[in-house]
Amino acid sequence: MEKRRHVRRTLFEPASILLGSATSEFPPGVVFAQTVDVSAGGAALRTPKLFSATAGDVFHVTSFHIGDTRPARVVYAADRLLRLVFAETL
């Protein structure tokens, strides 16, 4: 059985992916997404059909429960679902 460091809470709310930071390969912009779940260590986001990211990509995310803009790294990306780990928990 998988053991997690942080409890995930199912949560559906608008979220923003902010692109174009100094460490990003993405051009500047904002992608509007929706949270699927959130924990102290990361989040899962449902993204628009035309947005594509791969494991290892880093960008900033924000939502009401995520709080101020937080750097996050993609650890899983498939079928419009991104699983992220917040950079400060690495």
Protein backbone atom coordinates (compact mmCIF):
# COMPACT_ATOMS: atom_id res chain seq x y z
CA MET A 1 0.00 0.00 0.00
CA GLU A 2 1.26 3.46 -0.92
CA LYS A 3 2.16 5.78 1.96
CA ARG A 4 1.96 9.54 1.38
CA ARG A 5 3.63 12.29 3.37
CA HIS A 6 0.65 14.63 2.99
CA VAL A 7 -3.10 14.01 2.99
CA ARG A 8 -4.80 14.76 -0.34
CA ARG A 9 -8.09 16.58 -0.24
CA THR A 10 -10.44 16.33 -3.20
CA LEU A 11 -11.12 19.90 -4.21
CA PHE A 12 -12.52 21.40 -7.41
CA GLU A 13 -11.77 25.09 -7.88
CA PRO A 14 -10.29 27.37 -10.56
CA ALA A 15 -6.50 27.45 -10.70
CA SER A 16 -3.94 29.29 -12.81
CA ILE A 17 -0.70 27.99 -14.28
CA LEU A 18 1.67 30.91 -14.79
CA LEU A 19 4.11 30.35 -17.61
CA GLY A 20 7.28 32.08 -18.70
CA SER A 21 9.36 32.35 -15.54
CA ALA A 22 13.12 32.66 -15.85
CA THR A 23 13.52 28.88 -15.45
CA SER A 24 10.70 27.92 -17.83
CA GLU A 25 10.87 26.89 -21.47
CA PHE A 26 7.27 28.10 -21.94
CA PRO A 27 6.47 31.54 -23.40
CA PRO A 28 4.84 34.02 -20.98
CA GLY A 29 1.14 33.46 -20.34
CA VAL A 30 -1.55 32.08 -18.08
CA VAL A 31 -3.34 28.75 -18.46
CA PHE A 32 -6.65 28.42 -16.66
CA ALA A 33 -7.11 25.00 -15.07
CA GLN A 34 -9.09 23.30 -12.28
CA THR A 35 -7.79 21.60 -9.17
CA VAL A 36 -8.70 17.94 -8.70
CA ASP A 37 -6.99 17.49 -5.36
CA VAL A 38 -4.62 19.49 -3.16
CA SER A 39 -2.23 18.57 -0.35
CA ALA A 40 0.52 20.39 1.52
CA GLY A 41 3.04 18.79 -0.86
CA GLY A 42 1.37 19.22 -4.23
CA ALA A 43 -1.76 19.24 -6.33
CA ALA A 44 -3.47 17.61 -9.27
CA LEU A 45 -4.83 19.91 -11.98
CA ARG A 46 -7.15 19.28 -14.92
CA THR A 47 -5.89 21.33 -17.87
CA PRO A 48 -7.40 22.53 -21.17
CA LYS A 49 -7.14 20.18 -24.17
CA LEU A 50 -4.54 22.29 -25.97
CA PHE A 51 -2.13 22.60 -23.02
CA SER A 52 0.74 20.15 -22.93
CA ALA A 53 3.37 19.59 -20.24
CA THR A 54 5.74 16.73 -19.42
CA ALA A 55 7.26 15.34 -16.25
CA GLY A 56 10.04 17.61 -15.08
CA ASP A 57 8.49 20.86 -16.35
CA VAL A 58 8.48 23.62 -13.74
CA PHE A 59 6.07 26.55 -13.52
CA HIS A 60 4.10 28.53 -10.95
CA VAL A 61 0.54 27.72 -9.87
CA THR A 62 -2.06 29.51 -7.81
CA SER A 63 -5.64 29.02 -6.59
CA PHE A 64 -7.62 29.98 -3.52
CA HIS A 65 -6.45 26.91 -1.55
CA ILE A 66 -2.97 26.66 -3.09
CA GLY A 67 -2.51 30.28 -2.12
CA ASP A 68 0.01 32.74 -3.47
CA THR A 69 1.91 31.72 -6.55
CA ARG A 70 3.96 28.60 -5.78
CA PRO A 71 6.64 26.98 -7.90
CA ALA A 72 5.73 23.42 -8.84
CA ARG A 73 7.30 20.57 -10.81
CA VAL A 74 5.25 18.18 -12.95
CA VAL A 75 5.69 14.58 -11.79
CA TYR A 76 2.93 13.08 -13.98
CA ALA A 77 1.17 14.33 -17.10
CA ALA A 78 -1.43 12.43 -19.14
CA ASP A 79 -4.98 12.87 -20.44
CA ARG A 80 -5.24 16.55 -19.37
CA LEU A 81 -4.19 15.66 -15.79
CA LEU A 82 -1.08 17.14 -14.19
CA ARG A 83 0.24 15.93 -10.86
CA LEU A 84 2.52 18.52 -9.30
CA VAL A 85 4.89 18.65 -6.37
CA PHE A 86 5.44 22.06 -4.82
CA ALA A 87 9.09 23.09 -5.07
CA GLU A 88 9.47 23.85 -1.35
CA THR A 89 8.57 20.23 -0.51
CA LEU A 90 11.30 18.67 -2.69
